[in-house]
């Protein structure tokens, strides 16, 4: 049985020199060609803890996802999503244990967003046009906030991204030959994103416009099994 496993950590580098361990991840390339991402993220203030599982097909279409959220010491809820035909099925468990179920019609190219930083690299697989033109990015999110401090059935967000070419990027985990993208997010930020290899491993992200300008997210350690 053929499969691959990647494991690593993403750190935040603040403009003042502070470094925070932000997200740990495991990626599996499964025997059927699909890929699974598991992340545990925590904010620099340690007031947010997010646990996420996402599985996508060989051609980067979302299949299913699960996430749970703690904020300021309190459990905020969990959400499970699965795509069946052209519908997104969403089960939302609130902090009081009640479950709300909804179904959303969804286009083929929509991304399922759970606010994992690593997944920003996977979002860029929707940038098909490489002719220096922006591509539309549609994301059905679970939170309408930049840092994902809320959890809900969410909404559809429109943004756009552009392919910028190939670069060798130097980060704490090593040197990586990367694809580079620029992403104009729905939250007023402009980001540069670098990803590596056929499995689109997150290597680096830099905020170049908007709140937190100059902050960098980088791959701090990385193993392939």
N, C-alpha and C. Protein backbone atom coordinates (compact mmCIF):
# COMPACT_ATOMS: atom_id res chain seq x y z
N UNK A 1 0.85 -1.20 0.00
CA UNK A 1 0.00 0.00 0.00
C UNK A 1 0.88 1.24 0.00
N UNK A 2 0.66 2.14 -0.94
CA UNK A 2 1.49 3.33 -1.09
C UNK A 2 0.85 4.54 -0.41
N UNK A 3 1.61 5.19 0.43
CA UNK A 3 1.16 6.43 1.05
C UNK A 3 2.37 7.20 1.55
N UNK A 4 2.18 8.49 1.81
CA UNK A 4 3.21 9.36 2.36
C UNK A 4 2.66 10.09 3.57
N UNK A 5 3.55 10.41 4.51
CA UNK A 5 3.17 11.19 5.67
C UNK A 5 4.17 12.33 5.85
N UNK A 6 3.65 13.54 6.01
CA UNK A 6 4.47 14.71 6.32
C UNK A 6 4.07 15.23 7.71
N UNK A 7 5.04 15.75 8.41
CA UNK A 7 4.77 16.32 9.74
C UNK A 7 5.60 17.58 9.92
N UNK A 8 5.01 18.60 10.55
CA UNK A 8 5.78 19.82 10.74
C UNK A 8 5.11 20.84 11.65
N UNK A 9 5.75 21.98 11.75
CA UNK A 9 5.25 23.07 12.59
C UNK A 9 5.42 24.39 11.87
N UNK A 10 4.43 25.27 12.04
CA UNK A 10 4.46 26.62 11.48
C UNK A 10 4.57 27.62 12.62
N UNK A 11 5.52 28.53 12.53
CA UNK A 11 5.70 29.59 13.53
C UNK A 11 5.29 30.94 12.97
N UNK A 12 4.92 31.85 13.88
CA UNK A 12 4.67 33.24 13.53
C UNK A 12 5.90 34.06 13.90
N UNK A 13 6.38 34.90 12.96
CA UNK A 13 7.47 35.82 13.21
C UNK A 13 6.89 37.23 13.20
N UNK A 14 6.82 37.85 14.37
CA UNK A 14 6.27 39.20 14.49
C UNK A 14 7.31 40.22 14.03
N UNK A 15 6.84 41.42 13.69
CA UNK A 15 7.74 42.47 13.21
C UNK A 15 8.70 42.93 14.30
N UNK A 16 8.33 42.76 15.56
CA UNK A 16 9.20 43.15 16.67
C UNK A 16 10.22 42.10 17.05
N UNK A 17 10.23 40.98 16.33
CA UNK A 17 11.21 39.93 16.59
C UNK A 17 10.68 38.76 17.40
N UNK A 18 9.46 38.85 17.93
CA UNK A 18 8.90 37.75 18.70
C UNK A 18 8.57 36.58 17.78
N UNK A 19 8.76 35.37 18.30
CA UNK A 19 8.46 34.15 17.56
C UNK A 19 7.48 33.31 18.38
N UNK A 20 6.41 32.86 17.72
CA UNK A 20 5.39 32.07 18.40
C UNK A 20 5.17 30.76 17.63
N UNK A 21 5.12 29.65 18.37
CA UNK A 21 4.72 28.40 17.73
C UNK A 21 3.21 28.44 17.53
N UNK A 22 2.77 28.36 16.28
CA UNK A 22 1.37 28.63 15.95
C UNK A 22 0.58 27.38 15.57
N UNK A 23 1.16 26.54 14.74
CA UNK A 23 0.36 25.43 14.21
C UNK A 23 1.23 24.20 13.98
N UNK A 24 0.75 23.06 14.43
CA UNK A 24 1.36 21.77 14.11
C UNK A 24 0.47 21.05 13.11
N UNK A 25 1.09 20.32 12.18
CA UNK A 25 0.30 19.66 11.15
C UNK A 25 0.83 18.26 10.83
N UNK A 26 -0.07 17.43 10.35
CA UNK A 26 0.26 16.15 9.74
C UNK A 26 -0.51 16.07 8.42
N UNK A 27 0.18 15.76 7.36
CA UNK A 27 -0.45 15.55 6.05
C UNK A 27 -0.20 14.11 5.63
N UNK A 28 -1.26 13.44 5.17
CA UNK A 28 -1.10 12.11 4.60
C UNK A 28 -1.54 12.13 3.15
N UNK A 29 -0.75 11.53 2.27
CA UNK A 29 -1.13 11.30 0.89
C UNK A 29 -1.61 9.85 0.85
N UNK A 30 -2.89 9.67 0.67
CA UNK A 30 -3.54 8.40 0.89
C UNK A 30 -3.43 7.46 -0.32
N UNK A 31 -3.64 6.15 -0.12
CA UNK A 31 -3.51 5.19 -1.21
C UNK A 31 -4.40 5.47 -2.42
N UNK A 32 -5.56 6.15 -2.21
CA UNK A 32 -6.46 6.44 -3.33
C UNK A 32 -6.14 7.77 -4.02
N UNK A 33 -5.04 8.41 -3.60
CA UNK A 33 -4.65 9.68 -4.21
C UNK A 33 -5.16 10.90 -3.47
N UNK A 34 -6.11 10.72 -2.57
CA UNK A 34 -6.61 11.85 -1.78
C UNK A 34 -5.56 12.27 -0.76
N UNK A 35 -5.78 13.43 -0.16
CA UNK A 35 -4.87 13.96 0.85
C UNK A 35 -5.65 14.37 2.09
N UNK A 36 -5.06 14.15 3.25
CA UNK A 36 -5.69 14.51 4.52
C UNK A 36 -4.78 15.45 5.29
N UNK A 37 -5.35 16.52 5.79
CA UNK A 37 -4.62 17.51 6.60
C UNK A 37 -5.20 17.52 8.01
N UNK A 38 -4.34 17.43 9.00
CA UNK A 38 -4.74 17.57 10.40
C UNK A 38 -3.91 18.68 11.02
N UNK A 39 -4.56 19.63 11.66
CA UNK A 39 -3.83 20.76 12.26
C UNK A 39 -4.33 21.04 13.68
N UNK A 40 -3.41 21.49 14.52
CA UNK A 40 -3.75 22.05 15.83
C UNK A 40 -3.12 23.44 15.86
N UNK A 41 -3.98 24.47 15.99
CA UNK A 41 -3.53 25.86 15.95
C UNK A 41 -3.82 26.54 17.28
N UNK A 42 -2.93 27.42 17.70
CA UNK A 42 -3.16 28.21 18.91
C UNK A 42 -2.63 29.62 18.67
N UNK A 43 -3.37 30.59 19.18
CA UNK A 43 -3.01 31.99 18.95
C UNK A 43 -1.79 32.37 19.79
N UNK A 44 -1.07 33.43 19.40
CA UNK A 44 0.07 33.88 20.21
C UNK A 44 -0.28 34.19 21.66
N UNK A 45 -1.50 34.67 21.90
CA UNK A 45 -1.95 34.95 23.27
C UNK A 45 -2.38 33.70 24.02
N UNK A 46 -2.39 32.56 23.32
CA UNK A 46 -2.83 31.28 23.89
C UNK A 46 -4.29 31.34 24.36
N UNK A 47 -5.10 32.20 23.73
CA UNK A 47 -6.51 32.27 24.10
C UNK A 47 -7.40 31.58 23.08
N UNK A 48 -6.79 31.01 22.02
CA UNK A 48 -7.55 30.31 20.99
C UNK A 48 -6.87 28.98 20.69
N UNK A 49 -7.67 27.92 20.65
CA UNK A 49 -7.18 26.58 20.31
C UNK A 49 -8.14 25.96 19.30
N UNK A 50 -7.61 25.59 18.13
CA UNK A 50 -8.44 25.06 17.04
C UNK A 50 -7.87 23.71 16.58
N UNK A 51 -8.74 22.73 16.46
CA UNK A 51 -8.36 21.38 16.03
C UNK A 51 -9.14 21.07 14.75
N UNK A 52 -8.42 20.75 13.64
CA UNK A 52 -9.06 20.63 12.34
C UNK A 52 -8.59 19.38 11.61
N UNK A 53 -9.53 18.74 10.91
CA UNK A 53 -9.27 17.62 10.01
C UNK A 53 -9.92 17.95 8.67
N UNK A 54 -9.16 17.84 7.56
CA UNK A 54 -9.71 18.09 6.23
C UNK A 54 -9.18 17.06 5.24
N UNK A 55 -10.08 16.50 4.43
CA UNK A 55 -9.68 15.55 3.39
C UNK A 55 -10.13 16.07 2.03
N UNK A 56 -9.18 16.02 1.06
CA UNK A 56 -9.47 16.49 -0.29
C UNK A 56 -9.08 15.41 -1.29
N UNK A 57 -9.74 15.43 -2.43
CA UNK A 57 -9.52 14.41 -3.46
C UNK A 57 -8.17 14.62 -4.14
N UNK A 58 -7.83 13.69 -5.02
CA UNK A 58 -6.57 13.77 -5.75
C UNK A 58 -6.47 15.05 -6.56
N UNK A 59 -7.62 15.54 -7.06
CA UNK A 59 -7.62 16.78 -7.84
C UNK A 59 -8.07 17.99 -7.01
N UNK A 60 -7.87 17.92 -5.70
CA UNK A 60 -8.02 19.04 -4.77
C UNK A 60 -9.46 19.50 -4.56
N UNK A 61 -10.41 18.60 -4.73
CA UNK A 61 -11.79 18.92 -4.39
C UNK A 61 -12.06 18.49 -2.94
N UNK A 62 -12.69 19.36 -2.13
CA UNK A 62 -12.96 18.99 -0.73
C UNK A 62 -13.94 17.83 -0.64
N UNK A 63 -13.69 16.94 0.32
CA UNK A 63 -14.57 15.78 0.53
C UNK A 63 -15.27 15.84 1.88
N UNK A 64 -14.50 16.08 2.94
CA UNK A 64 -15.08 16.16 4.28
C UNK A 64 -14.13 16.93 5.19
N UNK A 65 -14.67 17.44 6.30
CA UNK A 65 -13.85 18.20 7.24
C UNK A 65 -14.53 18.22 8.60
N UNK A 66 -13.71 18.39 9.63
CA UNK A 66 -14.22 18.50 11.01
C UNK A 66 -13.35 19.50 11.75
N UNK A 67 -13.96 20.32 12.58
CA UNK A 67 -13.20 21.27 13.39
C UNK A 67 -13.86 21.52 14.72
N UNK A 68 -13.04 21.77 15.73
CA UNK A 68 -13.54 22.17 17.05
C UNK A 68 -12.76 23.39 17.52
N UNK A 69 -13.39 24.21 18.36
CA UNK A 69 -12.80 25.49 18.75
C UNK A 69 -12.96 25.75 20.24
N UNK A 70 -11.86 26.18 20.86
CA UNK A 70 -11.87 26.73 22.22
C UNK A 70 -11.39 28.18 22.13
N UNK A 71 -12.07 29.07 22.83
CA UNK A 71 -11.67 30.48 22.84
C UNK A 71 -11.85 31.03 24.25
N UNK A 72 -10.75 31.63 24.75
CA UNK A 72 -10.70 32.20 26.10
C UNK A 72 -11.17 31.20 27.15
N UNK A 73 -10.66 29.98 26.99
CA UNK A 73 -10.90 28.94 27.99
C UNK A 73 -12.23 28.23 27.89
N UNK A 74 -13.04 28.59 26.91
CA UNK A 74 -14.37 27.99 26.80
C UNK A 74 -14.54 27.28 25.46
N UNK A 75 -15.17 26.12 25.52
CA UNK A 75 -15.51 25.37 24.31
C UNK A 75 -16.59 26.12 23.54
N UNK A 76 -16.30 26.43 22.25
CA UNK A 76 -17.23 27.19 21.43
C UNK A 76 -18.13 26.32 20.56
N UNK A 77 -17.68 25.09 20.28
CA UNK A 77 -18.47 24.19 19.47
C UNK A 77 -17.62 23.41 18.49
N UNK A 78 -18.28 22.55 17.72
CA UNK A 78 -17.63 21.72 16.71
C UNK A 78 -18.49 21.70 15.46
N UNK A 79 -17.86 21.44 14.33
CA UNK A 79 -18.60 21.39 13.07
C UNK A 79 -18.04 20.28 12.18
N UNK A 80 -18.94 19.53 11.57
CA UNK A 80 -18.59 18.46 10.65
C UNK A 80 -19.22 18.77 9.30
N UNK A 81 -18.44 18.66 8.24
CA UNK A 81 -18.95 18.95 6.91
C UNK A 81 -18.57 17.84 5.94
N UNK A 82 -19.51 17.53 5.05
CA UNK A 82 -19.27 16.52 4.02
C UNK A 82 -19.94 16.95 2.72
N UNK A 83 -19.21 16.79 1.61
CA UNK A 83 -19.78 17.10 0.31
C UNK A 83 -20.36 15.84 -0.32
N UNK A 84 -21.63 15.91 -0.68
CA UNK A 84 -22.32 14.82 -1.34
C UNK A 84 -22.98 15.40 -2.58
N UNK A 85 -22.56 14.91 -3.75
CA UNK A 85 -23.01 15.46 -5.03
C UNK A 85 -22.70 16.96 -5.05
N UNK A 86 -23.68 17.82 -5.22
CA UNK A 86 -23.44 19.26 -5.27
C UNK A 86 -23.95 19.97 -4.03
N UNK A 87 -23.98 19.25 -2.92
CA UNK A 87 -24.47 19.82 -1.67
C UNK A 87 -23.44 19.69 -0.55
N UNK A 88 -23.33 20.75 0.24
CA UNK A 88 -22.49 20.74 1.42
C UNK A 88 -23.38 20.47 2.64
N UNK A 89 -23.16 19.34 3.28
CA UNK A 89 -23.91 18.98 4.48
C UNK A 89 -23.11 19.43 5.70
N UNK A 90 -23.76 20.16 6.59
CA UNK A 90 -23.07 20.80 7.71
C UNK A 90 -23.79 20.50 9.02
N UNK A 91 -23.07 19.86 9.95
CA UNK A 91 -23.58 19.57 11.29
C UNK A 91 -22.83 20.43 12.29
N UNK A 92 -23.53 21.30 12.99
CA UNK A 92 -22.90 22.23 13.93
C UNK A 92 -23.36 21.90 15.35
N UNK A 93 -22.39 21.57 16.20
CA UNK A 93 -22.67 21.32 17.62
C UNK A 93 -22.28 22.56 18.41
N UNK A 94 -23.20 23.13 19.13
CA UNK A 94 -22.92 24.31 19.96
C UNK A 94 -22.36 23.87 21.30
N UNK A 95 -21.96 24.84 22.11
CA UNK A 95 -21.36 24.54 23.41
C UNK A 95 -22.34 23.85 24.35
N UNK A 96 -23.63 24.06 24.15
CA UNK A 96 -24.63 23.42 25.02
C UNK A 96 -24.99 22.00 24.58
N UNK A 97 -24.34 21.51 23.53
CA UNK A 97 -24.55 20.14 23.08
C UNK A 97 -25.60 19.97 22.01
N UNK A 98 -26.32 21.02 21.68
CA UNK A 98 -27.35 20.92 20.64
C UNK A 98 -26.71 20.91 19.25
N UNK A 99 -27.33 20.16 18.34
CA UNK A 99 -26.81 20.04 16.98
C UNK A 99 -27.79 20.66 15.99
N UNK A 100 -27.25 21.48 15.09
CA UNK A 100 -28.05 22.07 14.01
C UNK A 100 -27.50 21.56 12.69
N UNK A 101 -28.38 21.08 11.83
CA UNK A 101 -28.00 20.50 10.54
C UNK A 101 -28.55 21.36 9.40
N UNK A 102 -27.66 21.72 8.47
CA UNK A 102 -28.08 22.48 7.30
C UNK A 102 -27.40 21.93 6.05
N UNK A 103 -28.03 22.18 4.90
CA UNK A 103 -27.49 21.77 3.62
C UNK A 103 -27.39 22.99 2.71
N UNK A 104 -26.23 23.15 2.06
CA UNK A 104 -25.99 24.29 1.18
C UNK A 104 -25.66 23.80 -0.22
N UNK A 105 -26.37 24.30 -1.25
CA UNK A 105 -25.93 24.01 -2.63
C UNK A 105 -24.54 24.63 -2.83
N UNK A 106 -23.68 23.92 -3.56
CA UNK A 106 -22.30 24.39 -3.65
C UNK A 106 -21.74 24.08 -5.03
N UNK A 107 -20.95 25.00 -5.56
CA UNK A 107 -20.29 24.79 -6.85
C UNK A 107 -19.07 23.89 -6.68
N UNK A 108 -18.64 23.31 -7.79
CA UNK A 108 -17.54 22.35 -7.75
C UNK A 108 -16.25 22.96 -7.22
N UNK A 109 -15.97 24.21 -7.57
CA UNK A 109 -14.67 24.81 -7.25
C UNK A 109 -14.62 25.53 -5.91
N UNK A 110 -15.65 25.38 -5.09
CA UNK A 110 -15.67 26.06 -3.79
C UNK A 110 -14.73 25.35 -2.80
N UNK A 111 -14.01 26.14 -2.03
CA UNK A 111 -13.11 25.65 -0.98
C UNK A 111 -13.87 25.62 0.34
N UNK A 112 -13.60 24.61 1.16
CA UNK A 112 -14.17 24.53 2.50
C UNK A 112 -13.13 25.07 3.47
N UNK A 113 -13.41 26.22 4.08
CA UNK A 113 -12.43 26.88 4.93
C UNK A 113 -12.65 26.61 6.40
N UNK A 114 -11.57 26.20 7.09
CA UNK A 114 -11.61 25.95 8.53
C UNK A 114 -10.54 26.74 9.28
N UNK A 115 -9.90 27.68 8.61
CA UNK A 115 -8.95 28.62 9.21
C UNK A 115 -7.61 28.00 9.62
N UNK A 116 -7.28 26.83 9.11
CA UNK A 116 -5.92 26.31 9.31
C UNK A 116 -4.96 27.08 8.41
N UNK A 117 -3.85 27.57 8.95
CA UNK A 117 -2.88 28.33 8.16
C UNK A 117 -2.29 27.46 7.05
N UNK A 118 -1.97 26.20 7.36
CA UNK A 118 -1.41 25.32 6.34
C UNK A 118 -2.32 25.26 5.12
N UNK A 119 -3.62 25.27 5.34
CA UNK A 119 -4.57 25.10 4.24
C UNK A 119 -4.56 26.27 3.26
N UNK A 120 -3.96 27.41 3.64
CA UNK A 120 -3.86 28.52 2.69
C UNK A 120 -3.07 28.09 1.45
N UNK A 121 -2.08 27.20 1.65
CA UNK A 121 -1.33 26.69 0.50
C UNK A 121 -2.21 25.83 -0.39
N UNK A 122 -3.09 25.03 0.21
CA UNK A 122 -3.99 24.20 -0.58
C UNK A 122 -5.02 25.04 -1.32
N UNK A 123 -5.43 26.17 -0.74
CA UNK A 123 -6.34 27.08 -1.44
C UNK A 123 -5.76 27.50 -2.79
N UNK A 124 -4.45 27.69 -2.85
CA UNK A 124 -3.83 28.19 -4.06
C UNK A 124 -3.86 27.17 -5.21
N UNK A 125 -4.26 25.93 -4.94
CA UNK A 125 -4.42 24.96 -6.03
C UNK A 125 -5.59 25.34 -6.94
N UNK A 126 -6.43 26.28 -6.49
CA UNK A 126 -7.53 26.77 -7.32
C UNK A 126 -7.06 27.83 -8.30
N UNK A 127 -5.80 28.24 -8.22
CA UNK A 127 -5.26 29.21 -9.17
C UNK A 127 -4.80 28.44 -10.40
N UNK A 128 -5.70 28.28 -11.35
CA UNK A 128 -5.44 27.47 -12.54
C UNK A 128 -4.78 28.31 -13.63
N UNK A 129 -5.24 29.54 -13.79
CA UNK A 129 -4.72 30.43 -14.82
C UNK A 129 -3.35 30.96 -14.39
N UNK A 130 -2.32 30.67 -15.16
CA UNK A 130 -0.96 31.08 -14.81
C UNK A 130 -0.46 32.21 -15.72
N UNK A 131 -1.37 32.97 -16.32
CA UNK A 131 -1.01 34.02 -17.28
C UNK A 131 -1.01 35.41 -16.64
N UNK A 132 -0.51 35.51 -15.43
CA UNK A 132 -0.42 36.79 -14.72
C UNK A 132 -1.78 37.43 -14.53
N UNK A 133 -2.81 36.61 -14.37
CA UNK A 133 -4.16 37.10 -14.15
C UNK A 133 -4.68 36.57 -12.82
N UNK A 134 -5.56 37.35 -12.19
CA UNK A 134 -6.15 36.91 -10.93
C UNK A 134 -7.22 35.86 -11.18
N UNK A 135 -7.27 34.87 -10.30
CA UNK A 135 -8.27 33.82 -10.32
C UNK A 135 -9.23 34.02 -9.17
N UNK A 136 -10.49 33.75 -9.41
CA UNK A 136 -11.51 33.85 -8.36
C UNK A 136 -11.36 32.71 -7.36
N UNK A 137 -11.41 33.05 -6.06
CA UNK A 137 -11.34 32.06 -4.99
C UNK A 137 -12.64 32.14 -4.19
N UNK A 138 -13.41 31.06 -4.18
CA UNK A 138 -14.65 30.99 -3.41
C UNK A 138 -14.45 30.06 -2.22
N UNK A 139 -14.71 30.57 -1.04
CA UNK A 139 -14.52 29.79 0.19
C UNK A 139 -15.78 29.81 1.02
N UNK A 140 -16.29 28.62 1.36
CA UNK A 140 -17.38 28.55 2.34
C UNK A 140 -16.73 28.32 3.70
N UNK A 141 -16.71 29.37 4.50
CA UNK A 141 -15.96 29.36 5.75
C UNK A 141 -16.83 28.91 6.92
N UNK A 142 -16.19 28.67 8.06
CA UNK A 142 -16.93 28.39 9.30
C UNK A 142 -16.88 29.57 10.25
N UNK A 143 -16.19 30.66 9.83
CA UNK A 143 -16.09 31.85 10.67
C UNK A 143 -15.87 33.06 9.78
N UNK A 144 -16.54 34.16 10.08
CA UNK A 144 -16.37 35.39 9.32
C UNK A 144 -15.32 36.31 9.92
N UNK A 145 -14.44 35.78 10.77
CA UNK A 145 -13.36 36.56 11.38
C UNK A 145 -12.03 36.08 10.82
N UNK A 146 -11.02 36.97 10.81
CA UNK A 146 -9.71 36.64 10.25
C UNK A 146 -9.07 35.48 11.01
N UNK A 147 -9.10 35.51 12.34
CA UNK A 147 -8.41 34.47 13.11
C UNK A 147 -9.31 33.30 13.47
N UNK A 148 -10.56 33.30 12.99
CA UNK A 148 -11.44 32.17 13.22
C UNK A 148 -11.83 31.98 14.67
N UNK A 149 -12.11 33.06 15.39
CA UNK A 149 -12.43 32.96 16.81
C UNK A 149 -13.90 32.65 17.06
N UNK A 150 -14.67 32.48 16.00
CA UNK A 150 -16.06 32.05 16.11
C UNK A 150 -16.24 30.78 15.28
N UNK A 151 -17.35 30.08 15.51
CA UNK A 151 -17.63 28.87 14.74
C UNK A 151 -19.13 28.84 14.45
N UNK A 152 -19.47 28.61 13.17
CA UNK A 152 -20.86 28.62 12.74
C UNK A 152 -20.97 27.89 11.41
N UNK A 153 -22.18 27.85 10.84
CA UNK A 153 -22.33 27.32 9.48
C UNK A 153 -21.64 28.22 8.47
N UNK A 154 -21.30 29.44 8.86
CA UNK A 154 -20.48 30.32 8.05
C UNK A 154 -21.19 30.90 6.84
N UNK A 155 -20.41 31.34 5.88
CA UNK A 155 -20.94 31.98 4.69
C UNK A 155 -19.94 31.83 3.55
N UNK A 156 -20.37 32.21 2.34
CA UNK A 156 -19.50 32.16 1.18
C UNK A 156 -18.72 33.47 1.06
N UNK A 157 -17.40 33.35 0.92
CA UNK A 157 -16.54 34.52 0.80
C UNK A 157 -15.83 34.50 -0.55
N UNK A 158 -15.78 35.66 -1.18
CA UNK A 158 -15.14 35.81 -2.48
C UNK A 158 -13.81 36.54 -2.33
N UNK A 159 -12.78 36.00 -2.93
CA UNK A 159 -11.48 36.67 -2.98
C UNK A 159 -10.81 36.33 -4.30
N UNK A 160 -9.56 36.73 -4.47
CA UNK A 160 -8.86 36.40 -5.70
C UNK A 160 -7.37 36.24 -5.44
N UNK A 161 -6.73 35.44 -6.29
CA UNK A 161 -5.31 35.14 -6.12
C UNK A 161 -4.65 35.02 -7.49
N UNK A 162 -3.32 35.20 -7.49
CA UNK A 162 -2.56 35.18 -8.75
C UNK A 162 -1.25 34.43 -8.57
N UNK A 163 -0.89 33.67 -9.57
CA UNK A 163 0.39 32.95 -9.58
C UNK A 163 1.52 33.93 -9.88
N UNK A 164 2.61 33.83 -9.09
CA UNK A 164 3.72 34.78 -9.22
C UNK A 164 5.02 34.14 -9.70
N UNK A 165 5.05 32.82 -9.89
CA UNK A 165 6.26 32.19 -10.38
C UNK A 165 6.89 31.22 -9.40
N UNK A 166 8.15 30.87 -9.70
CA UNK A 166 8.92 29.89 -8.92
C UNK A 166 10.06 30.59 -8.20
N UNK A 167 10.23 30.28 -6.91
CA UNK A 167 11.31 30.85 -6.11
C UNK A 167 11.87 29.80 -5.16
N UNK A 168 13.14 29.92 -4.84
CA UNK A 168 13.72 29.16 -3.74
C UNK A 168 13.56 29.98 -2.47
N UNK A 169 12.94 29.38 -1.45
CA UNK A 169 12.62 30.08 -0.21
C UNK A 169 13.43 29.48 0.94
N UNK A 170 13.99 30.36 1.77
CA UNK A 170 14.81 29.95 2.90
C UNK A 170 14.03 30.21 4.18
N UNK A 171 13.71 29.15 4.92
CA UNK A 171 13.00 29.26 6.19
C UNK A 171 13.72 28.40 7.22
N UNK A 172 13.23 28.42 8.45
CA UNK A 172 13.90 27.70 9.53
C UNK A 172 13.98 26.20 9.26
N UNK A 173 13.00 25.65 8.53
CA UNK A 173 12.99 24.21 8.25
C UNK A 173 13.92 23.81 7.12
N UNK A 174 14.49 24.80 6.38
CA UNK A 174 15.38 24.49 5.27
C UNK A 174 15.10 25.32 4.05
N UNK A 175 15.64 24.87 2.92
CA UNK A 175 15.47 25.56 1.64
C UNK A 175 14.50 24.76 0.77
N UNK A 176 13.54 25.46 0.16
CA UNK A 176 12.50 24.79 -0.61
C UNK A 176 12.27 25.52 -1.92
N UNK A 177 12.17 24.75 -3.00
CA UNK A 177 11.77 25.31 -4.28
C UNK A 177 10.24 25.42 -4.27
N UNK A 178 9.73 26.63 -4.43
CA UNK A 178 8.32 26.90 -4.18
C UNK A 178 7.63 27.58 -5.35
N UNK A 179 6.32 27.36 -5.41
CA UNK A 179 5.44 28.20 -6.20
C UNK A 179 5.01 29.37 -5.33
N UNK A 180 4.99 30.55 -5.91
CA UNK A 180 4.64 31.77 -5.18
C UNK A 180 3.30 32.33 -5.69
N UNK A 181 2.47 32.78 -4.75
CA UNK A 181 1.16 33.33 -5.09
C UNK A 181 0.94 34.62 -4.30
N UNK A 182 0.09 35.48 -4.84
CA UNK A 182 -0.39 36.64 -4.10
C UNK A 182 -1.89 36.48 -3.94
N UNK A 183 -2.38 36.68 -2.72
CA UNK A 183 -3.80 36.45 -2.41
C UNK A 183 -4.39 37.72 -1.81
N UNK A 184 -5.43 38.23 -2.43
CA UNK A 184 -6.20 39.36 -1.89
C UNK A 184 -7.36 38.77 -1.11
N UNK A 185 -7.26 38.73 0.21
CA UNK A 185 -8.20 38.00 1.05
C UNK A 185 -9.53 38.75 1.19
N UNK A 186 -10.58 38.08 1.69
CA UNK A 186 -11.85 38.77 1.95
C UNK A 186 -11.80 39.70 3.15
N UNK A 187 -10.67 39.69 3.90
CA UNK A 187 -10.57 40.45 5.13
C UNK A 187 -9.70 41.71 4.99
N UNK A 188 -9.43 42.12 3.75
CA UNK A 188 -8.67 43.35 3.53
C UNK A 188 -7.17 43.17 3.62
N UNK A 189 -6.70 41.95 3.73
CA UNK A 189 -5.27 41.69 3.78
C UNK A 189 -4.77 41.24 2.40
N UNK A 190 -3.51 41.57 2.13
CA UNK A 190 -2.85 41.08 0.93
C UNK A 190 -1.69 40.21 1.38
N UNK A 191 -1.66 38.97 0.90
CA UNK A 191 -0.70 37.99 1.38
C UNK A 191 0.14 37.43 0.24
N UNK A 192 1.40 37.12 0.55
CA UNK A 192 2.23 36.30 -0.32
C UNK A 192 2.30 34.91 0.29
N UNK A 193 2.12 33.89 -0.54
CA UNK A 193 2.11 32.50 -0.08
C UNK A 193 3.06 31.69 -0.94
N UNK A 194 3.90 30.87 -0.28
CA UNK A 194 4.81 29.97 -0.97
C UNK A 194 4.48 28.52 -0.59
N UNK A 195 4.35 27.65 -1.59
CA UNK A 195 4.08 26.24 -1.33
C UNK A 195 5.06 25.38 -2.11
N UNK A 196 5.28 24.16 -1.61
CA UNK A 196 6.33 23.29 -2.15
C UNK A 196 5.77 21.96 -2.61
N UNK A 197 6.13 21.54 -3.80
CA UNK A 197 5.92 20.18 -4.26
C UNK A 197 4.50 19.85 -4.70
N UNK A 198 4.35 18.61 -5.15
CA UNK A 198 3.06 18.14 -5.68
C UNK A 198 1.97 18.12 -4.62
N UNK A 199 2.36 18.02 -3.35
CA UNK A 199 1.38 17.97 -2.27
C UNK A 199 1.14 19.32 -1.63
N UNK A 200 1.67 20.37 -2.25
CA UNK A 200 1.43 21.75 -1.85
C UNK A 200 1.69 21.97 -0.35
N UNK A 201 2.91 21.68 0.06
CA UNK A 201 3.31 21.86 1.46
C UNK A 201 3.49 23.35 1.76
N UNK A 202 2.85 23.82 2.80
CA UNK A 202 2.99 25.22 3.21
C UNK A 202 4.44 25.48 3.63
N UNK A 203 5.03 26.54 3.08
CA UNK A 203 6.40 26.92 3.45
C UNK A 203 6.45 28.30 4.10
N UNK A 204 5.73 29.27 3.52
CA UNK A 204 5.82 30.62 4.05
C UNK A 204 4.61 31.44 3.63
N UNK A 205 4.21 32.37 4.50
CA UNK A 205 3.19 33.35 4.17
C UNK A 205 3.57 34.67 4.81
N UNK A 206 3.45 35.76 4.05
CA UNK A 206 3.80 37.10 4.55
C UNK A 206 2.64 38.06 4.31
N UNK A 207 2.30 38.83 5.34
CA UNK A 207 1.28 39.86 5.21
C UNK A 207 1.95 41.10 4.63
N UNK A 208 1.55 41.50 3.42
CA UNK A 208 2.20 42.65 2.78
C UNK A 208 1.29 43.88 2.74
N UNK A 209 0.01 43.71 3.10
CA UNK A 209 -0.88 44.86 3.18
C UNK A 209 -2.02 44.53 4.14
N UNK A 210 -2.43 45.55 4.90
CA UNK A 210 -3.52 45.37 5.85
C UNK A 210 -3.02 45.21 7.28
N UNK A 211 -3.92 44.86 8.17
CA UNK A 211 -3.58 44.66 9.57
C UNK A 211 -2.50 43.60 9.72
N UNK A 212 -1.55 43.83 10.63
CA UNK A 212 -0.42 42.93 10.87
C UNK A 212 0.57 42.89 9.70
N UNK A 213 0.65 43.97 8.95
CA UNK A 213 1.61 44.03 7.85
C UNK A 213 3.02 43.73 8.35
N UNK A 214 3.73 42.88 7.61
CA UNK A 214 5.09 42.51 7.96
C UNK A 214 5.20 41.20 8.74
N UNK A 215 4.08 40.69 9.25
CA UNK A 215 4.10 39.43 9.99
C UNK A 215 4.31 38.28 9.01
N UNK A 216 5.12 37.32 9.42
CA UNK A 216 5.46 36.17 8.59
C UNK A 216 5.07 34.88 9.30
N UNK A 217 4.48 33.96 8.57
CA UNK A 217 4.25 32.59 9.03
C UNK A 217 5.22 31.70 8.25
N UNK A 218 6.02 30.91 8.94
CA UNK A 218 7.00 30.10 8.23
C UNK A 218 7.08 28.69 8.77
N UNK A 219 7.51 27.79 7.88
CA UNK A 219 7.72 26.40 8.25
C UNK A 219 8.96 26.30 9.14
N UNK A 220 8.73 25.87 10.39
CA UNK A 220 9.82 25.87 11.37
C UNK A 220 10.52 24.52 11.46
N UNK A 221 9.79 23.44 11.29
CA UNK A 221 10.40 22.12 11.17
C UNK A 221 9.52 21.24 10.30
N UNK A 222 10.14 20.22 9.70
CA UNK A 222 9.43 19.46 8.68
C UNK A 222 10.09 18.09 8.52
N UNK A 223 9.25 17.03 8.47
CA UNK A 223 9.73 15.68 8.24
C UNK A 223 8.82 15.00 7.23
N UNK A 224 9.42 14.14 6.43
CA UNK A 224 8.68 13.30 5.48
C UNK A 224 8.96 11.86 5.81
N UNK A 225 7.91 11.08 5.97
CA UNK A 225 8.07 9.67 6.37
C UNK A 225 7.74 8.75 5.21
